[in-house]
C-alpha cells in the first residue's frame, strides 16, 4: 500500500498478492474462537502493511495456540 500511496498506482500482480494475503489471513482466523473485531483488526493490519502484518499475525496465532495448549495440558 505504501507503493500505491507514493506513486498513485500499483502493479496488478501486487494487488493480486495483497488479495491473497488477505484471503490467507481470513483462512487462518475464521476458526479461531476470538471476537469478530479482533479478526477484522488483523485483516486491516494485513491490508495496510502487507507481509509484515501477516507475519505478525502468524506469530500471534502461534503464541496464542501454544498458550492454549499449555493450559489444557496442565488442567
C-alpha atoms as a PDB file:
ATOM      1  CA  UNK A   1       0.000   0.000   0.000  1.00  0.00           C
ATOM      2  CA  UNK A   2       2.918   2.365   0.581  1.00  0.00           C
ATOM      3  CA  UNK A   3       3.913   1.943  -3.074  1.00  0.00           C
ATOM      4  CA  UNK A   4       0.368   2.881  -4.048  1.00  0.00           C
ATOM      5  CA  UNK A   5       0.432   5.965  -1.834  1.00  0.00           C
ATOM      6  CA  UNK A   6       3.759   7.129  -3.255  1.00  0.00           C
ATOM      7  CA  UNK A   7       3.129   6.527  -6.941  1.00  0.00           C
ATOM      8  CA  UNK A   8      -0.654   6.679  -7.207  1.00  0.00           C
ATOM      9  CA  UNK A   9      -0.863   3.242  -8.823  1.00  0.00           C
ATOM     10  CA  UNK A  10       0.182  -0.308  -8.029  1.00  0.00           C
ATOM     11  CA  UNK A  11       1.145  -3.133 -10.372  1.00  0.00           C
ATOM     12  CA  UNK A  12      -1.603  -5.662 -10.933  1.00  0.00           C
ATOM     13  CA  UNK A  13       0.406  -8.585  -9.540  1.00  0.00           C
ATOM     14  CA  UNK A  14       0.960  -6.718  -6.253  1.00  0.00           C
ATOM     15  CA  UNK A  15      -2.783  -6.229  -5.910  1.00  0.00           C
ATOM     16  CA  UNK A  16      -3.258  -9.961  -6.523  1.00  0.00           C
ATOM     17  CA  UNK A  17      -0.645 -10.763  -3.870  1.00  0.00           C
ATOM     18  CA  UNK A  18      -2.351  -8.416  -1.414  1.00  0.00           C
ATOM     19  CA  UNK A  19      -5.693 -10.113  -2.061  1.00  0.00           C
ATOM     20  CA  UNK A  20      -4.013 -13.493  -1.486  1.00  0.00           C
ATOM     21  CA  UNK A  21      -2.573 -12.323   1.845  1.00  0.00           C
ATOM     22  CA  UNK A  22      -5.963 -11.049   2.991  1.00  0.00           C
ATOM     23  CA  UNK A  23      -7.528 -14.372   1.957  1.00  0.00           C
ATOM     24  CA  UNK A  24      -4.868 -16.375   3.829  1.00  0.00           C
ATOM     25  CA  UNK A  25      -5.424 -14.188   6.875  1.00  0.00           C
ATOM     26  CA  UNK A  26      -9.143 -14.918   6.813  1.00  0.00           C
ATOM     27  CA  UNK A  27      -8.471 -18.670   6.403  1.00  0.00           C
ATOM     28  CA  UNK A  28      -6.201 -18.600   9.465  1.00  0.00           C
ATOM     29  CA  UNK A  29      -8.621 -16.603  11.614  1.00  0.00           C
ATOM     30  CA  UNK A  30     -12.017 -17.983  10.636  1.00  0.00           C
ATOM     31  CA  UNK A  31     -11.948 -20.969  13.031  1.00  0.00           C
ATOM     32  CA  UNK A  32     -10.274 -19.180  15.922  1.00  0.00           C
ATOM     33  CA  UNK A  33     -12.508 -18.588  18.962  1.00  0.00           C
ATOM     34  CA  UNK A  34     -11.869 -14.842  19.083  1.00  0.00           C
ATOM     35  CA  UNK A  35     -14.068 -11.791  18.762  1.00  0.00           C
ATOM     36  CA  UNK A  36     -15.026 -10.617  15.273  1.00  0.00           C
ATOM     37  CA  UNK A  37     -13.464  -7.206  15.997  1.00  0.00           C
ATOM     38  CA  UNK A  38     -10.084  -8.869  16.553  1.00  0.00           C
ATOM     39  CA  UNK A  39     -10.401 -10.735  13.260  1.00  0.00           C
ATOM     40  CA  UNK A  40     -11.302  -7.541  11.414  1.00  0.00           C
ATOM     41  CA  UNK A  41      -8.411  -5.726  13.113  1.00  0.00           C
ATOM     42  CA  UNK A  42      -5.929  -8.320  11.871  1.00  0.00           C
ATOM     43  CA  UNK A  43      -7.427  -8.150   8.373  1.00  0.00           C
ATOM     44  CA  UNK A  44      -6.975  -4.371   8.333  1.00  0.00           C
ATOM     45  CA  UNK A  45      -3.384  -4.679   9.611  1.00  0.00           C
ATOM     46  CA  UNK A  46      -2.547  -7.114   6.807  1.00  0.00           C
ATOM     47  CA  UNK A  47      -4.289  -4.869   4.292  1.00  0.00           C
ATOM     48  CA  UNK A  48      -2.263  -1.848   5.400  1.00  0.00           C
ATOM     49  CA  UNK A  49       1.215  -3.286   5.964  1.00  0.00           C
ATOM     50  CA  UNK A  50       1.040  -6.433   3.810  1.00  0.00           C
ATOM     51  CA  UNK A  51       3.631  -9.146   4.536  1.00  0.00           C
ATOM     52  CA  UNK A  52       4.959  -7.794   7.870  1.00  0.00           C
ATOM     53  CA  UNK A  53       1.388  -7.681   9.164  1.00  0.00           C
ATOM     54  CA  UNK A  54       0.744 -11.236   8.001  1.00  0.00           C
ATOM     55  CA  UNK A  55       3.931 -12.458   9.675  1.00  0.00           C
ATOM     56  CA  UNK A  56       2.976 -10.667  12.909  1.00  0.00           C
ATOM     57  CA  UNK A  57      -0.473 -12.279  12.792  1.00  0.00           C
ATOM     58  CA  UNK A  58       1.052 -15.747  12.316  1.00  0.00           C
ATOM     59  CA  UNK A  59       3.405 -15.204  15.273  1.00  0.00           C
ATOM     60  CA  UNK A  60       0.481 -14.007  17.415  1.00  0.00           C
ATOM     61  CA  UNK A  61      -1.590 -17.060  16.453  1.00  0.00           C
ATOM     62  CA  UNK A  62       1.311 -19.405  17.186  1.00  0.00           C
ATOM     63  CA  UNK A  63       1.808 -17.899  20.660  1.00  0.00           C
ATOM     64  CA  UNK A  64      -1.939 -17.919  21.363  1.00  0.00           C
ATOM     65  CA  UNK A  65      -2.346 -21.549  20.311  1.00  0.00           C
ATOM     66  CA  UNK A  66       0.704 -22.574  22.315  1.00  0.00           C
ATOM     67  CA  UNK A  67      -0.629 -20.849  25.465  1.00  0.00           C
ATOM     68  CA  UNK A  68      -3.998 -22.527  24.970  1.00  0.00           C
ATOM     69  CA  UNK A  69      -2.442 -25.977  24.570  1.00  0.00           C
ATOM     70  CA  UNK A  70      -0.216 -25.442  27.637  1.00  0.00           C
ATOM     71  CA  UNK A  71      -3.241 -24.510  29.751  1.00  0.00           C
ATOM     72  CA  UNK A  72      -5.220 -27.539  28.595  1.00  0.00           C
ATOM     73  CA  UNK A  73      -2.319 -29.895  29.352  1.00  0.00           C
ATOM     74  CA  UNK A  74      -1.935 -28.537  32.888  1.00  0.00           C
ATOM     75  CA  UNK A  75      -5.602 -28.994  33.723  1.00  0.00           C
END
